[in-house]
Protein backbone atom coordinates (compact mmCIF):
# COMPACT_ATOMS: atom_id res chain seq x y z
CA GLY A 1 25.27 -48.77 18.92
CA GLY A 2 23.93 -46.87 15.89
CA LYS A 3 25.50 -44.10 13.84
CA GLY A 4 23.71 -41.27 15.57
CA LEU A 5 20.98 -38.96 14.33
CA ALA A 6 20.70 -38.43 10.57
CA ALA A 7 18.34 -35.47 10.39
CA PHE A 8 15.35 -33.60 11.72
CA ILE A 9 12.71 -32.50 9.20
CA GLY A 10 9.74 -30.24 9.76
CA GLU A 11 7.42 -27.76 8.04
CA GLY A 12 7.27 -24.02 8.60
CA MET A 13 3.55 -24.57 9.08
CA GLY A 14 1.73 -27.87 8.90
CA GLY A 15 0.14 -28.61 5.54
CA MET A 16 -1.99 -31.72 5.87
CA THR A 17 -2.39 -30.98 9.59
CA ALA A 18 -4.39 -27.93 8.48
CA ALA A 19 -2.19 -24.94 9.24
CA MET A 20 -0.92 -26.12 12.60
CA MET A 21 2.11 -24.04 13.55
CA ALA A 22 4.78 -24.94 16.07
CA PRO A 23 5.07 -22.43 18.92
CA LYS A 24 7.79 -19.82 18.86
CA GLY A 25 11.11 -21.26 20.00
CA PHE A 26 10.26 -24.87 19.14
CA TYR A 27 12.40 -25.04 16.02
CA GLN A 28 15.29 -23.21 17.62
CA LYS A 29 15.44 -25.78 20.41
CA ALA A 30 14.86 -28.71 18.05
CA TYR A 31 17.67 -27.52 15.76
CA GLU A 32 20.03 -27.25 18.71
CA ILE A 33 19.23 -30.82 19.78
CA THR A 34 19.70 -32.14 16.23
CA LYS A 35 23.11 -30.50 15.97
CA SER A 36 24.15 -31.83 19.36
CA PHE A 37 23.61 -35.36 18.02
CA GLY A 38 25.42 -34.69 14.76
CA GLY A 39 22.36 -34.45 12.52
CA VAL A 40 21.33 -31.96 9.87
CA ASN A 41 18.20 -29.81 9.94
CA ILE A 42 15.80 -29.91 6.99
CA MET A 43 12.89 -27.54 6.44
CA ASP A 44 10.09 -28.59 4.10
CA GLU A 45 8.86 -25.40 2.45
CA VAL A 46 6.64 -26.94 -0.23
CA GLN A 47 3.53 -25.16 1.05
CA THR A 48 4.92 -22.26 3.08
CA ALA A 49 7.56 -20.71 0.83
CA PHE A 50 7.69 -17.70 -1.51
CA GLY A 51 5.77 -15.25 0.64
CA ARG A 52 2.56 -17.18 1.24
CA LEU A 53 2.83 -16.49 5.00
CA GLY A 54 2.56 -12.76 4.29
CA THR A 55 5.29 -11.49 6.60
CA HIS A 56 8.14 -13.85 5.69
CA TYR A 57 9.31 -15.28 2.38
CA TRP A 58 10.20 -18.58 4.06
CA GLY A 59 8.69 -20.45 6.96
CA PHE A 60 12.10 -20.94 8.56
CA GLU A 61 12.55 -17.15 8.66
CA TYR A 62 9.39 -16.85 10.73
CA HIS A 63 10.83 -19.34 13.21
CA GLY A 64 14.24 -17.63 13.28
CA VAL A 65 16.29 -20.67 12.26
CA LYS A 66 18.73 -21.53 9.49
CA PRO A 67 18.23 -25.03 8.03
CA ASP A 68 21.01 -27.06 6.47
CA ILE A 69 18.66 -28.17 3.70
CA VAL A 70 15.52 -26.50 2.32
CA THR A 71 13.15 -28.42 0.05
CA THR A 72 10.32 -26.87 -1.91
CA ALA A 73 8.14 -27.49 -4.95
CA LYS A 74 4.74 -26.81 -6.53
CA SER A 75 4.31 -23.03 -6.22
CA ILE A 76 7.85 -22.36 -7.41
CA GLY A 77 6.65 -23.38 -10.89
CA ASN A 78 3.14 -21.92 -10.65
CA GLY A 79 1.67 -25.10 -12.09
CA PHE A 80 4.74 -26.21 -14.05
CA PRO A 81 6.29 -29.37 -12.52
CA LEU A 82 9.29 -28.08 -10.62
CA ALA A 83 10.99 -28.79 -7.31
CA MET A 84 14.07 -27.35 -5.66
CA CYS A 85 16.55 -28.26 -2.99
CA ALA A 86 18.88 -25.66 -1.48
CA THR A 87 21.70 -26.62 0.85
CA THR A 88 25.18 -25.80 2.05
CA PRO A 89 28.25 -26.23 -0.19
CA GLU A 90 29.49 -29.01 2.10
CA ILE A 91 26.32 -31.09 1.78
CA ALA A 92 26.02 -30.36 -1.95
CA GLU A 93 29.58 -31.53 -2.49
CA ALA A 94 28.84 -34.78 -0.67
CA PHE A 95 26.00 -35.41 -3.11
CA ALA A 96 28.11 -34.45 -6.11
CA ASN A 97 30.83 -36.90 -5.12
CA SER A 98 28.36 -39.73 -4.56
CA SER A 99 27.22 -42.24 -7.18
CA LEU A 100 24.07 -42.92 -5.17
CA HIS A 101 22.16 -39.85 -6.40
CA PHE A 102 20.86 -39.44 -9.94
CA ASN A 103 18.12 -37.21 -11.35
CA THR A 104 16.89 -37.57 -14.91
CA PHE A 105 15.16 -34.19 -14.94
CA GLY A 106 17.62 -32.21 -12.81
CA GLY A 107 18.43 -28.78 -14.24
CA ASN A 108 15.72 -28.89 -16.92
CA ALA A 109 16.05 -25.57 -18.76
CA ILE A 110 12.31 -25.09 -19.37
CA ALA A 111 11.48 -25.82 -15.73
CA CYS A 112 14.16 -23.37 -14.60
CA ALA A 113 12.75 -20.68 -16.90
CA ALA A 114 9.27 -21.24 -15.46
CA GLY A 115 10.64 -21.03 -11.92
CA HIS A 116 12.57 -17.84 -12.68
CA ALA A 117 9.48 -16.21 -14.19
CA THR A 118 7.38 -17.22 -11.18
CA LEU A 119 9.85 -15.77 -8.69
CA LYS A 120 9.96 -12.53 -10.68
CA ALA A 121 6.16 -12.29 -10.74
CA ILE A 122 5.97 -12.82 -6.95
CA ASP A 123 8.24 -9.80 -6.48
CA ASP A 124 6.89 -7.61 -9.30
CA ASP A 125 3.24 -8.15 -8.31
CA GLY A 126 3.84 -7.74 -4.57
CA LEU A 127 2.27 -11.10 -3.81
CA MET A 128 3.80 -11.50 -0.35
CA GLU A 129 2.19 -8.25 0.79
CA ASN A 130 -1.04 -9.28 -0.91
CA SER A 131 -0.93 -12.54 1.05
CA ARG A 132 -0.67 -10.56 4.27
CA VAL A 133 -3.48 -8.11 3.47
CA VAL A 134 -5.96 -10.57 1.97
CA GLY A 135 -5.05 -13.24 4.53
CA ASN A 136 -5.99 -10.87 7.34
CA ARG A 137 -9.34 -10.20 5.63
CA PHE A 138 -10.00 -13.95 5.38
CA LEU A 139 -9.16 -14.51 9.03
CA GLU A 140 -11.43 -11.67 10.12
CA GLY A 141 -14.24 -13.37 8.23
CA TYR A 142 -13.45 -16.78 9.69
CA ASN A 143 -13.49 -15.37 13.20
CA TYR A 144 -16.89 -13.82 12.46
CA LEU A 145 -18.19 -17.24 11.37
CA ARG A 146 -16.67 -18.88 14.44
CA GLU A 147 -18.58 -16.51 16.71
CA LYS A 148 -21.79 -17.06 14.76
CA TYR A 149 -21.84 -20.87 14.51
CA ASP A 150 -21.34 -23.33 17.36
CA PHE A 151 -19.93 -26.00 15.04
CA VAL A 152 -17.11 -23.76 13.80
CA GLY A 153 -14.10 -24.41 16.02
CA ASP A 154 -10.55 -23.13 15.76
CA CYS A 155 -9.78 -20.71 12.92
CA ARG A 156 -6.06 -20.32 12.37
CA GLY A 157 -3.40 -19.41 9.89
CA LYS A 158 -0.95 -16.85 8.66
CA GLY A 159 -1.06 -15.03 5.37
CA LEU A 160 -2.78 -17.21 2.79
CA MET A 161 -2.17 -20.48 4.59
CA MET A 162 -5.27 -20.96 6.72
CA ALA A 163 -7.62 -23.54 8.16
CA MET A 164 -11.04 -23.77 9.78
CA GLU A 165 -11.88 -26.62 12.13
CA PHE A 166 -15.37 -28.08 12.61
CA VAL A 167 -16.64 -29.52 15.87
CA GLN A 168 -19.88 -31.01 17.11
CA SER A 169 -20.09 -28.15 19.59
CA LYS A 170 -17.72 -25.70 21.23
CA GLU A 171 -18.58 -27.27 24.56
CA THR A 172 -17.13 -30.66 23.64
CA ASN A 173 -14.74 -29.73 20.79
CA ALA A 174 -15.35 -33.26 19.46
CA PRO A 175 -14.60 -33.44 15.73
CA LEU A 176 -17.56 -33.02 13.43
CA PRO A 177 -18.09 -36.25 11.42
CA VAL A 178 -16.25 -36.18 8.10
CA TYR A 179 -19.35 -36.77 6.01
CA LYS A 180 -20.95 -33.60 7.37
CA CYS A 181 -17.82 -31.64 6.48
CA ASN A 182 -17.97 -33.22 3.01
CA ALA A 183 -21.58 -32.13 2.58
CA MET A 184 -20.66 -28.52 3.36
CA ILE A 185 -17.56 -28.47 1.19
CA GLU A 186 -19.47 -29.86 -1.80
CA ARG A 187 -22.23 -27.28 -1.40
CA ILE A 188 -19.60 -24.53 -1.15
CA LYS A 189 -18.01 -25.86 -4.36
CA ASP A 190 -21.37 -25.71 -6.15
CA LEU A 191 -21.59 -22.04 -5.19
CA GLY A 192 -18.20 -21.25 -6.74
CA VAL A 193 -15.56 -21.70 -4.02
CA LEU A 194 -13.01 -24.53 -3.97
CA LEU A 195 -11.60 -25.58 -0.59
CA GLY A 196 -9.38 -28.44 0.56
CA LYS A 197 -9.72 -30.83 3.48
CA GLY A 198 -7.26 -31.95 6.13
CA GLY A 199 -6.46 -32.27 9.79
CA LEU A 200 -5.94 -35.37 11.91
CA TYR A 201 -9.67 -36.14 11.84
CA VAL A 202 -10.23 -34.65 8.34
CA ASN A 203 -12.64 -32.19 9.95
CA CYS A 204 -10.86 -29.07 8.75
CA PHE A 205 -11.11 -26.91 5.67
CA ARG A 206 -7.64 -26.20 4.31
CA ILE A 207 -7.76 -22.77 2.70
CA GLN A 208 -4.71 -21.89 0.61
CA PRO A 209 -5.88 -19.79 -2.35
CA PRO A 210 -3.63 -18.44 -5.11
CA MET A 211 -1.44 -15.61 -3.83
CA CYS A 212 -3.04 -13.22 -6.36
CA VAL A 213 -6.45 -13.61 -4.69
CA SER A 214 -8.22 -10.30 -4.00
CA LEU A 215 -10.13 -8.73 -1.12
CA GLU A 216 -13.30 -9.14 -3.20
CA ASP A 217 -12.56 -12.86 -3.53
CA ALA A 218 -12.15 -13.10 0.24
CA ASP A 219 -15.46 -11.36 0.87
CA PHE A 220 -17.23 -13.60 -1.65
CA THR A 221 -15.78 -16.71 0.02
CA ILE A 222 -17.01 -15.63 3.46
CA GLN A 223 -20.48 -14.88 2.08
CA VAL A 224 -20.70 -18.34 0.47
CA MET A 225 -19.49 -20.08 3.62
CA ASP A 226 -21.96 -18.10 5.74
CA LYS A 227 -24.83 -19.14 3.46
CA VAL A 228 -23.86 -22.84 3.55
CA PHE A 229 -23.26 -22.84 7.31
CA ALA A 230 -26.72 -21.34 7.82
CA GLU A 231 -28.23 -24.08 5.65
CA PHE A 232 -26.39 -26.72 7.69
CA LYS A 233 -27.46 -25.20 11.00
CA GLU A 234 -31.12 -25.01 9.93
CA GLY A 235 -31.17 -28.58 8.60
CA LYS A 236 -31.68 -27.41 5.02
CA LEU A 237 -28.43 -28.92 3.69
CA GLU A 238 -28.64 -32.43 2.23
CA VAL A 239 -26.19 -34.36 4.40
CA GLU A 240 -27.23 -38.01 4.65
CA SER A 241 -26.22 -38.91 1.09
CA PHE A 242 -22.63 -38.31 2.22
CA ASN A 243 -22.98 -40.63 5.23
CA PRO A 244 -21.02 -43.87 4.61
CA ASN A 245 -23.06 -45.60 7.32
CA PRO A 246 -26.63 -44.38 6.88
CA ALA A 247 -29.30 -45.35 9.36
CA LYS A 248 -31.35 -48.35 8.25
């Protein structure tokens, strides 16, 4: 009795889910189903676009699909507040002929200049290729740490969109308590490396450095993480001050 399906929206690779990627063929099938019910397909490329994945400029290219609408932001302005929506002429015309959509800042000339300069720098500086090369170096290091430490679980990613998951042990794969992850990430910060957090249980490091990051930066990051992980393993890392429910 409804009007049918409006849209299907997904990410080229999960952001807050800590670099979870849909298996090959998933999006192709999902897009077919959406179309069969009269909906449009939307790809959120806020975190995956502009070459960060190393082998593809867009996440949807990696999955071999063609969205009806692509949304993206953040990195397109390299720090300048800018977002973008690309779509088909048919959908754009529907918006243009509607009084329901209004944007105070749409088409801001300064924002557009910042975006144009950013896109040029990505191409001129070869940042997509750099994402591939340095991303591979990072993942090699993460896999080394995974083999070395029982509490390091899945290490995944593509290009410079990566994540490392922490578990109580590889035998159980139970999530490591968040406060222990917080203790490690704060110690890593004190040693000069900034990482993000994410995942369903917030037990993952989200690692998405600037696309200009170097091989030397990758090596330094792995060295710092190795040092902190060793401190955690040996009980030398101060952890209990991060515990929201300390033992009495």
